[in-house]
Amino acid sequence: MNNNVDVLMDNLPIFIPLILLELALMITALVHVLRHPHYRFGNKILWVVVVVVFQIIGPIVYFVFGRGDDSRA
């Protein structure tokens, strides 16, 4: 058990930036999902689930495939 804590403490300088990046990406994607009504695929509930559950990959998938056109007609 002590070995796991040692590994965590040794790699903490790597984990903190990754955690901050993941949180920033997730919050940015969630704000975009909740503010914009148009998506290329799926609906708002689907994209909220994808962004939150699949963490780093979910927001990237949303921005690449799900984000609709931002132009207002």
PDB file of N, CA and C in Angstrom:
ATOM      1  N   MET A   1       0.821  -1.191   0.000  1.00  0.00           N
ATOM      2  CA  MET A   1       0.000   0.000   0.000  1.00  0.00           C
ATOM      3  C   MET A   1       0.864   1.253   0.000  1.00  0.00           C
ATOM      4  N   ASN A   2       1.920   1.255   0.756  1.00  0.00           N
ATOM      5  CA  ASN A   2       2.818   2.388   0.819  1.00  0.00           C
ATOM      6  C   ASN A   2       3.491   2.636  -0.522  1.00  0.00           C
ATOM      7  N   ASN A   3       3.699   1.563  -1.282  1.00  0.00           N
ATOM      8  CA  ASN A   3       4.315   1.680  -2.602  1.00  0.00           C
ATOM      9  C   ASN A   3       3.441   2.503  -3.547  1.00  0.00           C
ATOM     10  N   ASN A   4       2.115   2.356  -3.453  1.00  0.00           N
ATOM     11  CA  ASN A   4       1.206   3.121  -4.301  1.00  0.00           C
ATOM     12  C   ASN A   4       1.284   4.614  -3.997  1.00  0.00           C
ATOM     13  N   VAL A   5       1.388   4.939  -2.731  1.00  0.00           N
ATOM     14  CA  VAL A   5       1.497   6.342  -2.337  1.00  0.00           C
ATOM     15  C   VAL A   5       2.813   6.931  -2.840  1.00  0.00           C
ATOM     16  N   ASP A   6       3.872   6.151  -2.775  1.00  0.00           N
ATOM     17  CA  ASP A   6       5.167   6.616  -3.273  1.00  0.00           C
ATOM     18  C   ASP A   6       5.122   6.885  -4.771  1.00  0.00           C
ATOM     19  N   VAL A   7       4.471   6.011  -5.509  1.00  0.00           N
ATOM     20  CA  VAL A   7       4.342   6.202  -6.956  1.00  0.00           C
ATOM     21  C   VAL A   7       3.537   7.461  -7.245  1.00  0.00           C
ATOM     22  N   LEU A   8       2.451   7.660  -6.507  1.00  0.00           N
ATOM     23  CA  LEU A   8       1.631   8.857  -6.690  1.00  0.00           C
ATOM     24  C   LEU A   8       2.427  10.122  -6.394  1.00  0.00           C
ATOM     25  N   MET A   9       3.138  10.134  -5.307  1.00  0.00           N
ATOM     26  CA  MET A   9       3.909  11.316  -4.934  1.00  0.00           C
ATOM     27  C   MET A   9       5.052  11.584  -5.910  1.00  0.00           C
ATOM     28  N   ASP A  10       5.668  10.529  -6.421  1.00  0.00           N
ATOM     29  CA  ASP A  10       6.746  10.701  -7.393  1.00  0.00           C
ATOM     30  C   ASP A  10       6.241  11.288  -8.712  1.00  0.00           C
ATOM     31  N   ASN A  11       5.013  10.947  -9.083  1.00  0.00           N
ATOM     32  CA  ASN A  11       4.460  11.383 -10.369  1.00  0.00           C
ATOM     33  C   ASN A  11       3.483  12.547 -10.245  1.00  0.00           C
ATOM     34  N   LEU A  12       3.365  13.123  -9.078  1.00  0.00           N
ATOM     35  CA  LEU A  12       2.443  14.236  -8.863  1.00  0.00           C
ATOM     36  C   LEU A  12       2.689  15.423  -9.793  1.00  0.00           C
ATOM     37  N   PRO A  13       3.946  15.783 -10.095  1.00  0.00           N
ATOM     38  CA  PRO A  13       4.155  16.888 -11.041  1.00  0.00           C
ATOM     39  C   PRO A  13       3.612  16.604 -12.446  1.00  0.00           C
ATOM     40  N   ILE A  14       3.435  15.348 -12.789  1.00  0.00           N
ATOM     41  CA  ILE A  14       2.861  14.990 -14.087  1.00  0.00           C
ATOM     42  C   ILE A  14       1.335  14.978 -13.995  1.00  0.00           C
ATOM     43  N   PHE A  15       0.796  14.466 -12.886  1.00  0.00           N
ATOM     44  CA  PHE A  15      -0.652  14.319 -12.741  1.00  0.00           C
ATOM     45  C   PHE A  15      -1.382  15.656 -12.610  1.00  0.00           C
ATOM     46  N   ILE A  16      -0.826  16.608 -11.909  1.00  0.00           N
ATOM     47  CA  ILE A  16      -1.517  17.882 -11.680  1.00  0.00           C
ATOM     48  C   ILE A  16      -1.808  18.627 -12.986  1.00  0.00           C
ATOM     49  N   PRO A  17      -0.837  18.812 -13.893  1.00  0.00           N
ATOM     50  CA  PRO A  17      -1.180  19.481 -15.155  1.00  0.00           C
ATOM     51  C   PRO A  17      -2.181  18.695 -16.001  1.00  0.00           C
ATOM     52  N   LEU A  18      -2.100  17.367 -15.973  1.00  0.00           N
ATOM     53  CA  LEU A  18      -3.062  16.558 -16.731  1.00  0.00           C
ATOM     54  C   LEU A  18      -4.475  16.707 -16.169  1.00  0.00           C
ATOM     55  N   ILE A  19      -4.591  16.741 -14.862  1.00  0.00           N
ATOM     56  CA  ILE A  19      -5.895  16.913 -14.237  1.00  0.00           C
ATOM     57  C   ILE A  19      -6.455  18.300 -14.549  1.00  0.00           C
ATOM     58  N   LEU A  20      -5.624  19.318 -14.480  1.00  0.00           N
ATOM     59  CA  LEU A  20      -6.075  20.680 -14.799  1.00  0.00           C
ATOM     60  C   LEU A  20      -6.483  20.803 -16.257  1.00  0.00           C
ATOM     61  N   LEU A  21      -5.729  20.184 -17.171  1.00  0.00           N
ATOM     62  CA  LEU A  21      -6.077  20.192 -18.586  1.00  0.00           C
ATOM     63  C   LEU A  21      -7.409  19.498 -18.819  1.00  0.00           C
ATOM     64  N   GLU A  22      -7.605  18.360 -18.189  1.00  0.00           N
ATOM     65  CA  GLU A  22      -8.844  17.619 -18.346  1.00  0.00           C
ATOM     66  C   GLU A  22     -10.033  18.421 -17.826  1.00  0.00           C
ATOM     67  N   LEU A  23      -9.886  19.056 -16.666  1.00  0.00           N
ATOM     68  CA  LEU A  23     -10.974  19.863 -16.118  1.00  0.00           C
ATOM     69  C   LEU A  23     -11.292  21.070 -16.999  1.00  0.00           C
ATOM     70  N   ALA A  24     -10.267  21.753 -17.483  1.00  0.00           N
ATOM     71  CA  ALA A  24     -10.490  22.913 -18.347  1.00  0.00           C
ATOM     72  C   ALA A  24     -11.187  22.511 -19.643  1.00  0.00           C
ATOM     73  N   LEU A  25     -10.761  21.408 -20.219  1.00  0.00           N
ATOM     74  CA  LEU A  25     -11.369  20.928 -21.463  1.00  0.00           C
ATOM     75  C   LEU A  25     -12.817  20.513 -21.235  1.00  0.00           C
ATOM     76  N   MET A  26     -13.081  19.828 -20.127  1.00  0.00           N
ATOM     77  CA  MET A  26     -14.434  19.391 -19.826  1.00  0.00           C
ATOM     78  C   MET A  26     -15.355  20.578 -19.551  1.00  0.00           C
ATOM     79  N   ILE A  27     -14.893  21.548 -18.780  1.00  0.00           N
ATOM     80  CA  ILE A  27     -15.723  22.718 -18.471  1.00  0.00           C
ATOM     81  C   ILE A  27     -16.008  23.529 -19.728  1.00  0.00           C
ATOM     82  N   THR A  28     -15.004  23.706 -20.577  1.00  0.00           N
ATOM     83  CA  THR A  28     -15.197  24.436 -21.835  1.00  0.00           C
ATOM     84  C   THR A  28     -16.222  23.737 -22.718  1.00  0.00           C
ATOM     85  N   ALA A  29     -16.106  22.424 -22.844  1.00  0.00           N
ATOM     86  CA  ALA A  29     -17.050  21.665 -23.665  1.00  0.00           C
ATOM     87  C   ALA A  29     -18.451  21.707 -23.073  1.00  0.00           C
ATOM     88  N   LEU A  30     -18.575  21.576 -21.754  1.00  0.00           N
ATOM     89  CA  LEU A  30     -19.898  21.626 -21.129  1.00  0.00           C
ATOM     90  C   LEU A  30     -20.564  22.988 -21.323  1.00  0.00           C
ATOM     91  N   VAL A  31     -19.815  24.050 -21.172  1.00  0.00           N
ATOM     92  CA  VAL A  31     -20.366  25.384 -21.392  1.00  0.00           C
ATOM     93  C   VAL A  31     -20.850  25.511 -22.833  1.00  0.00           C
ATOM     94  N   HIS A  32     -20.054  25.026 -23.771  1.00  0.00           N
ATOM     95  CA  HIS A  32     -20.452  25.108 -25.185  1.00  0.00           C
ATOM     96  C   HIS A  32     -21.700  24.271 -25.446  1.00  0.00           C
ATOM     97  N   VAL A  33     -21.749  23.058 -24.905  1.00  0.00           N
ATOM     98  CA  VAL A  33     -22.919  22.190 -25.101  1.00  0.00           C
ATOM     99  C   VAL A  33     -24.174  22.854 -24.542  1.00  0.00           C
ATOM    100  N   LEU A  34     -24.072  23.429 -23.365  1.00  0.00           N
ATOM    101  CA  LEU A  34     -25.255  24.001 -22.723  1.00  0.00           C
ATOM    102  C   LEU A  34     -25.703  25.323 -23.341  1.00  0.00           C
ATOM    103  N   ARG A  35     -24.809  26.048 -23.986  1.00  0.00           N
ATOM    104  CA  ARG A  35     -25.178  27.347 -24.576  1.00  0.00           C
ATOM    105  C   ARG A  35     -25.641  27.260 -26.017  1.00  0.00           C
ATOM    106  N   HIS A  36     -25.250  26.242 -26.757  1.00  0.00           N
ATOM    107  CA  HIS A  36     -25.559  26.171 -28.181  1.00  0.00           C
ATOM    108  C   HIS A  36     -26.607  25.103 -28.463  1.00  0.00           C
ATOM    109  N   PRO A  37     -27.652  25.458 -29.204  1.00  0.00           N
ATOM    110  CA  PRO A  37     -28.751  24.517 -29.441  1.00  0.00           C
ATOM    111  C   PRO A  37     -28.549  23.580 -30.633  1.00  0.00           C
ATOM    112  N   HIS A  38     -27.535  23.809 -31.455  1.00  0.00           N
ATOM    113  CA  HIS A  38     -27.382  23.027 -32.677  1.00  0.00           C
ATOM    114  C   HIS A  38     -26.136  22.137 -32.609  1.00  0.00           C
ATOM    115  N   TYR A  39     -26.330  20.866 -32.956  1.00  0.00           N
ATOM    116  CA  TYR A  39     -25.246  19.892 -32.954  1.00  0.00           C
ATOM    117  C   TYR A  39     -25.288  19.135 -34.271  1.00  0.00           C
ATOM    118  N   ARG A  40     -24.132  18.694 -34.739  1.00  0.00           N
ATOM    119  CA  ARG A  40     -24.101  17.904 -35.973  1.00  0.00           C
ATOM    120  C   ARG A  40     -24.743  16.541 -35.764  1.00  0.00           C
ATOM    121  N   PHE A  41     -24.440  15.902 -34.632  1.00  0.00           N
ATOM    122  CA  PHE A  41     -24.975  14.581 -34.309  1.00  0.00           C
ATOM    123  C   PHE A  41     -25.478  14.599 -32.879  1.00  0.00           C
ATOM    124  N   GLY A  42     -26.575  13.924 -32.628  1.00  0.00           N
ATOM    125  CA  GLY A  42     -27.068  13.775 -31.269  1.00  0.00           C
ATOM    126  C   GLY A  42     -27.787  14.996 -30.737  1.00  0.00           C
ATOM    127  N   ASN A  43     -27.997  14.991 -29.413  1.00  0.00           N
ATOM    128  CA  ASN A  43     -28.683  16.093 -28.751  1.00  0.00           C
ATOM    129  C   ASN A  43     -27.893  16.528 -27.520  1.00  0.00           C
ATOM    130  N   LYS A  44     -28.450  17.477 -26.794  1.00  0.00           N
ATOM    131  CA  LYS A  44     -27.750  18.073 -25.656  1.00  0.00           C
ATOM    132  C   LYS A  44     -27.433  17.030 -24.576  1.00  0.00           C
ATOM    133  N   ILE A  45     -28.384  16.175 -24.238  1.00  0.00           N
ATOM    134  CA  ILE A  45     -28.170  15.180 -23.179  1.00  0.00           C
ATOM    135  C   ILE A  45     -27.069  14.202 -23.573  1.00  0.00           C
ATOM    136  N   LEU A  46     -27.071  13.748 -24.813  1.00  0.00           N
ATOM    137  CA  LEU A  46     -26.033  12.830 -25.291  1.00  0.00           C
ATOM    138  C   LEU A  46     -24.653  13.454 -25.148  1.00  0.00           C
ATOM    139  N   TRP A  47     -24.509  14.705 -25.556  1.00  0.00           N
ATOM    140  CA  TRP A  47     -23.191  15.337 -25.521  1.00  0.00           C
ATOM    141  C   TRP A  47     -22.738  15.648 -24.100  1.00  0.00           C
ATOM    142  N   VAL A  48     -23.662  15.966 -23.197  1.00  0.00           N
ATOM    143  CA  VAL A  48     -23.275  16.167 -21.797  1.00  0.00           C
ATOM    144  C   VAL A  48     -22.733  14.864 -21.221  1.00  0.00           C
ATOM    145  N   VAL A  49     -23.403  13.754 -21.508  1.00  0.00           N
ATOM    146  CA  VAL A  49     -22.941  12.450 -21.019  1.00  0.00           C
ATOM    147  C   VAL A  49     -21.579  12.106 -21.609  1.00  0.00           C
ATOM    148  N   VAL A  50     -21.403  12.301 -22.911  1.00  0.00           N
ATOM    149  CA  VAL A  50     -20.124  11.988 -23.557  1.00  0.00           C
ATOM    150  C   VAL A  50     -19.003  12.832 -22.962  1.00  0.00           C
ATOM    151  N   VAL A  51     -19.242  14.107 -22.783  1.00  0.00           N
ATOM    152  CA  VAL A  51     -18.201  15.014 -22.267  1.00  0.00           C
ATOM    153  C   VAL A  51     -17.816  14.660 -20.836  1.00  0.00           C
ATOM    154  N   VAL A  52     -18.780  14.324 -20.000  1.00  0.00           N
ATOM    155  CA  VAL A  52     -18.495  14.063 -18.589  1.00  0.00           C
ATOM    156  C   VAL A  52     -17.939  12.655 -18.369  1.00  0.00           C
ATOM    157  N   VAL A  53     -18.519  11.661 -19.016  1.00  0.00           N
ATOM    158  CA  VAL A  53     -18.126  10.271 -18.759  1.00  0.00           C
ATOM    159  C   VAL A  53     -16.790   9.929 -19.393  1.00  0.00           C
ATOM    160  N   PHE A  54     -16.548  10.388 -20.599  1.00  0.00           N
ATOM    161  CA  PHE A  54     -15.333   9.992 -21.310  1.00  0.00           C
ATOM    162  C   PHE A  54     -14.182  10.984 -21.127  1.00  0.00           C
ATOM    163  N   GLN A  55     -14.302  11.857 -20.178  1.00  0.00           N
ATOM    164  CA  GLN A  55     -13.295  12.806 -19.717  1.00  0.00           C
ATOM    165  C   GLN A  55     -12.463  13.433 -20.838  1.00  0.00           C
ATOM    166  N   ILE A  56     -11.192  13.129 -21.003  1.00  0.00           N
ATOM    167  CA  ILE A  56     -10.363  13.844 -21.980  1.00  0.00           C
ATOM    168  C   ILE A  56     -10.822  13.575 -23.408  1.00  0.00           C
ATOM    169  N   ILE A  57     -11.191  12.352 -23.714  1.00  0.00           N
ATOM    170  CA  ILE A  57     -11.576  12.004 -25.083  1.00  0.00           C
ATOM    171  C   ILE A  57     -12.963  12.557 -25.420  1.00  0.00           C
ATOM    172  N   GLY A  58     -13.881  12.594 -24.475  1.00  0.00           N
ATOM    173  CA  GLY A  58     -15.240  13.085 -24.713  1.00  0.00           C
ATOM    174  C   GLY A  58     -15.297  14.517 -25.217  1.00  0.00           C
ATOM    175  N   PRO A  59     -14.639  15.471 -24.537  1.00  0.00           N
ATOM    176  CA  PRO A  59     -14.652  16.843 -25.051  1.00  0.00           C
ATOM    177  C   PRO A  59     -13.998  16.978 -26.422  1.00  0.00           C
ATOM    178  N   ILE A  60     -12.938  16.227 -26.661  1.00  0.00           N
ATOM    179  CA  ILE A  60     -12.280  16.279 -27.978  1.00  0.00           C
ATOM    180  C   ILE A  60     -13.229  15.765 -29.047  1.00  0.00           C
ATOM    181  N   VAL A  61     -13.928  14.659 -28.769  1.00  0.00           N
ATOM    182  CA  VAL A  61     -14.902  14.114 -29.724  1.00  0.00           C
ATOM    183  C   VAL A  61     -16.009  15.122 -29.968  1.00  0.00           C
ATOM    184  N   TYR A  62     -16.467  15.800 -28.916  1.00  0.00           N
ATOM    185  CA  TYR A  62     -17.510  16.808 -29.091  1.00  0.00           C
ATOM    186  C   TYR A  62     -17.045  17.935 -30.006  1.00  0.00           C
ATOM    187  N   PHE A  63     -15.860  18.480 -29.742  1.00  0.00           N
ATOM    188  CA  PHE A  63     -15.396  19.604 -30.550  1.00  0.00           C
ATOM    189  C   PHE A  63     -15.102  19.205 -31.992  1.00  0.00           C
ATOM    190  N   VAL A  64     -14.725  17.962 -32.234  1.00  0.00           N
ATOM    191  CA  VAL A  64     -14.428  17.517 -33.593  1.00  0.00           C
ATOM    192  C   VAL A  64     -15.700  17.122 -34.335  1.00  0.00           C
ATOM    193  N   PHE A  65     -16.591  16.349 -33.692  1.00  0.00           N
ATOM    194  CA  PHE A  65     -17.728  15.782 -34.402  1.00  0.00           C
ATOM    195  C   PHE A  65     -19.083  16.375 -34.019  1.00  0.00           C
ATOM    196  N   GLY A  66     -19.256  16.856 -32.820  1.00  0.00           N
ATOM    197  CA  GLY A  66     -20.589  17.233 -32.355  1.00  0.00           C
ATOM    198  C   GLY A  66     -20.930  18.687 -32.475  1.00  0.00           C
ATOM    199  N   ARG A  67     -19.950  19.532 -32.411  1.00  0.00           N
ATOM    200  CA  ARG A  67     -20.217  20.976 -32.407  1.00  0.00           C
ATOM    201  C   ARG A  67     -20.855  21.391 -33.715  1.00  0.00           C
ATOM    202  N   GLY A  68     -21.993  22.045 -33.616  1.00  0.00           N
ATOM    203  CA  GLY A  68     -22.685  22.509 -34.814  1.00  0.00           C
ATOM    204  C   GLY A  68     -22.173  23.855 -35.270  1.00  0.00           C
ATOM    205  N   ASP A  69     -22.795  24.365 -36.294  1.00  0.00           N
ATOM    206  CA  ASP A  69     -22.427  25.661 -36.846  1.00  0.00           C
ATOM    207  C   ASP A  69     -22.798  26.750 -35.856  1.00  0.00           C
ATOM    208  N   ASP A  70     -21.848  27.631 -35.559  1.00  0.00           N
ATOM    209  CA  ASP A  70     -22.089  28.708 -34.592  1.00  0.00           C
ATOM    210  C   ASP A  70     -22.760  29.928 -35.211  1.00  0.00           C
ATOM    211  N   SER A  71     -22.830  29.989 -36.517  1.00  0.00           N
ATOM    212  CA  SER A  71     -23.409  31.172 -37.158  1.00  0.00           C
ATOM    213  C   SER A  71     -24.909  31.199 -36.944  1.00  0.00           C
ATOM    214  N   ARG A  72     -25.425  32.348 -36.657  1.00  0.00           N
ATOM    215  CA  ARG A  72     -26.856  32.544 -36.438  1.00  0.00           C
ATOM    216  C   ARG A  72     -27.486  33.074 -37.722  1.00  0.00           C
ATOM    217  N   ALA A  73     -28.570  32.472 -38.137  1.00  0.00           N
ATOM    218  CA  ALA A  73     -29.230  32.909 -39.370  1.00  0.00           C
ATOM    219  C   ALA A  73     -30.375  33.832 -39.065  1.00  0.00           C
TER     220      ALA A  73
END
